[in-house]
C-alpha atoms as a PDB file:
ATOM      1  CA  MET A   1     172.556 191.104 119.563  1.00  0.00           C
ATOM      2  CA  GLU A   2     168.918 192.131 119.450  1.00  0.00           C
ATOM      3  CA  VAL A   3     165.757 190.396 120.542  1.00  0.00           C
ATOM      4  CA  GLU A   4     162.936 190.876 118.080  1.00  0.00           C
ATOM      5  CA  LEU A   5     159.302 190.838 119.194  1.00  0.00           C
ATOM      6  CA  LEU A   6     156.965 190.380 116.258  1.00  0.00           C
ATOM      7  CA  PHE A   7     153.324 191.064 117.039  1.00  0.00           C
ATOM      8  CA  TRP A   8     149.898 191.606 115.549  1.00  0.00           C
ATOM      9  CA  ARG A   9     147.735 194.173 117.332  1.00  0.00           C
ATOM     10  CA  GLY A  10     144.747 191.831 116.997  1.00  0.00           C
ATOM     11  CA  CYS A  11     146.174 189.695 119.804  1.00  0.00           C
ATOM     12  CA  PRO A  12     145.705 191.081 123.307  1.00  0.00           C
ATOM     13  CA  SER A  13     148.776 189.281 124.715  1.00  0.00           C
ATOM     14  CA  TYR A  14     151.305 191.665 123.128  1.00  0.00           C
ATOM     15  CA  PRO A  15     151.706 194.052 126.144  1.00  0.00           C
ATOM     16  CA  ALA A  16     152.067 191.169 128.617  1.00  0.00           C
ATOM     17  CA  VAL A  17     154.715 189.482 126.474  1.00  0.00           C
ATOM     18  CA  LEU A  18     156.636 192.731 126.065  1.00  0.00           C
ATOM     19  CA  GLU A  19     156.717 193.164 129.853  1.00  0.00           C
ATOM     20  CA  GLN A  20     157.739 189.526 130.337  1.00  0.00           C
ATOM     21  CA  LEU A  21     160.440 189.902 127.686  1.00  0.00           C
ATOM     22  CA  ARG A  22     161.866 193.073 129.250  1.00  0.00           C
ATOM     23  CA  ALA A  23     162.204 191.300 132.588  1.00  0.00           C
ATOM     24  CA  ALA A  24     163.842 188.238 131.020  1.00  0.00           C
ATOM     25  CA  VAL A  25     166.269 190.224 128.836  1.00  0.00           C
ATOM     26  CA  ASP A  26     167.243 192.365 131.831  1.00  0.00           C
ATOM     27  CA  GLY A  27     169.329 194.799 129.778  1.00  0.00           C
ATOM     28  CA  ARG A  28     171.429 192.114 128.033  1.00  0.00           C
ATOM     29  CA  ALA A  29     170.127 193.014 124.574  1.00  0.00           C
ATOM     30  CA  GLU A  30     168.021 195.550 122.746  1.00  0.00           C
ATOM     31  CA  ILE A  31     164.374 194.617 122.242  1.00  0.00           C
ATOM     32  CA  VAL A  32     163.058 195.589 118.821  1.00  0.00           C
ATOM     33  CA  GLU A  33     159.292 195.606 118.364  1.00  0.00           C
ATOM     34  CA  ARG A  34     158.008 194.823 114.893  1.00  0.00           C
ATOM     35  CA  GLU A  35     154.339 195.042 114.035  1.00  0.00           C
ATOM     36  CA  ILE A  36     152.948 192.598 111.498  1.00  0.00           C
ATOM     37  CA  ALA A  37     149.934 194.379 110.032  1.00  0.00           C
ATOM     38  CA  SER A  38     148.822 192.315 107.041  1.00  0.00           C
ATOM     39  CA  GLU A  39     148.739 188.779 105.695  1.00  0.00           C
ATOM     40  CA  GLU A  40     151.407 189.852 103.205  1.00  0.00           C
ATOM     41  CA  ASP A  41     153.641 191.044 106.051  1.00  0.00           C
ATOM     42  CA  ALA A  42     153.053 187.738 107.877  1.00  0.00           C
ATOM     43  CA  ILE A  43     154.082 185.702 104.853  1.00  0.00           C
ATOM     44  CA  ALA A  44     157.136 187.863 104.123  1.00  0.00           C
ATOM     45  CA  ALA A  45     158.310 187.615 107.752  1.00  0.00           C
ATOM     46  CA  GLY A  46     157.488 183.915 108.186  1.00  0.00           C
ATOM     47  CA  PHE A  47     155.280 185.030 111.090  1.00  0.00           C
ATOM     48  CA  PRO A  48     153.468 182.050 112.687  1.00  0.00           C
ATOM     49  CA  GLY A  49     151.377 184.238 114.986  1.00  0.00           C
ATOM     50  CA  SER A  50     151.480 186.824 117.712  1.00  0.00           C
ATOM     51  CA  PRO A  51     153.625 187.069 119.692  1.00  0.00           C
ATOM     52  CA  THR A  52     156.757 185.654 118.101  1.00  0.00           C
ATOM     53  CA  ILE A  53     160.147 186.190 119.747  1.00  0.00           C
ATOM     54  CA  ARG A  54     163.314 185.871 117.683  1.00  0.00           C
ATOM     55  CA  VAL A  55     167.003 186.214 118.441  1.00  0.00           C
ATOM     56  CA  GLY A  56     169.387 186.334 115.503  1.00  0.00           C
ATOM     57  CA  GLY A  57     166.433 185.683 113.208  1.00  0.00           C
ATOM     58  CA  ARG A  58     165.594 182.398 114.971  1.00  0.00           C
ATOM     59  CA  ASP A  59     162.278 181.788 116.690  1.00  0.00           C
ATOM     60  CA  LEU A  60     162.836 180.978 120.371  1.00  0.00           C
ATOM     61  CA  PHE A  61     159.825 178.645 120.224  1.00  0.00           C
ATOM     62  CA  PRO A  62     159.899 177.071 116.743  1.00  0.00           C
ATOM     63  CA  THR A  63     156.628 175.884 115.258  1.00  0.00           C
ATOM     64  CA  ASP A  64     155.421 174.368 112.012  1.00  0.00           C
ATOM     65  CA  ASP A  65     152.416 176.699 111.914  1.00  0.00           C
ATOM     66  CA  PRO A  66     152.086 178.530 108.588  1.00  0.00           C
ATOM     67  CA  PRO A  67     152.509 182.318 108.437  1.00  0.00           C
ATOM     68  CA  ALA A  68     149.267 184.097 109.361  1.00  0.00           C
ATOM     69  CA  LEU A  69     147.671 186.938 111.252  1.00  0.00           C
ATOM     70  CA  THR A  70     146.647 184.905 114.262  1.00  0.00           C
ATOM     71  CA  CYS A  71     147.228 184.667 117.974  1.00  0.00           C
ATOM     72  CA  ARG A  72     149.890 182.203 118.962  1.00  0.00           C
ATOM     73  CA  VAL A  73     149.357 179.636 121.708  1.00  0.00           C
ATOM     74  CA  TYR A  74     152.130 178.452 124.015  1.00  0.00           C
ATOM     75  CA  ARG A  75     152.191 175.601 126.528  1.00  0.00           C
ATOM     76  CA  LEU A  76     153.224 176.416 130.067  1.00  0.00           C
ATOM     77  CA  ALA A  77     155.525 174.174 132.096  1.00  0.00           C
ATOM     78  CA  ASP A  78     152.504 172.736 133.927  1.00  0.00           C
ATOM     79  CA  GLY A  79     150.844 171.766 130.627  1.00  0.00           C
ATOM     80  CA  ARG A  80     148.230 174.524 130.438  1.00  0.00           C
ATOM     81  CA  PHE A  81     147.811 176.544 127.246  1.00  0.00           C
ATOM     82  CA  SER A  82     148.656 180.246 127.334  1.00  0.00           C
ATOM     83  CA  PRO A  83     148.853 183.254 125.001  1.00  0.00           C
ATOM     84  CA  THR A  84     152.314 183.949 126.455  1.00  0.00           C
ATOM     85  CA  PRO A  85     155.398 181.743 126.842  1.00  0.00           C
ATOM     86  CA  ASP A  86     156.206 180.149 130.175  1.00  0.00           C
ATOM     87  CA  PRO A  87     158.413 182.714 132.004  1.00  0.00           C
ATOM     88  CA  GLY A  88     161.020 180.123 132.998  1.00  0.00           C
ATOM     89  CA  GLU A  89     161.175 178.676 129.505  1.00  0.00           C
ATOM     90  CA  LEU A  90     161.452 182.165 128.012  1.00  0.00           C
ATOM     91  CA  ARG A  91     164.349 183.034 130.307  1.00  0.00           C
ATOM     92  CA  ALA A  92     166.109 179.725 129.525  1.00  0.00           C
ATOM     93  CA  ALA A  93     165.638 180.197 125.766  1.00  0.00           C
ATOM     94  CA  LEU A  94     167.025 183.734 125.998  1.00  0.00           C
ATOM     95  CA  ASP A  95     169.988 182.552 128.071  1.00  0.00           C
ATOM     96  CA  ARG A  96     170.837 180.004 125.374  1.00  0.00           C
ATOM     97  CA  ALA A  97     170.344 182.463 122.515  1.00  0.00           C
ATOM     98  CA  LEU A  98     172.202 185.377 124.109  1.00  0.00           C
ATOM     99  CA  GLY A  99     175.007 183.292 125.564  1.00  0.00           C
END
């Protein structure tokens, strides 16, 4: 199974999320990076913002946000907002998705 990282270069959190994702995946799956470069690409991919992490086509952090070229906001375990997912929540979501 592969882990897909969808990103828009307009969001500065992409490199940090990629590093966080590599640590959480820990060799259990291939990470595929997919750049979303236009509004048309965002709509076609159902991209709710950067970064979006999917396994088996399913968003690990589902949202009702419409597709758009925008930066995504996550909530950390302590309640603060962040441009990256909570590391513990990311690892738990990957564990569930990868089995």
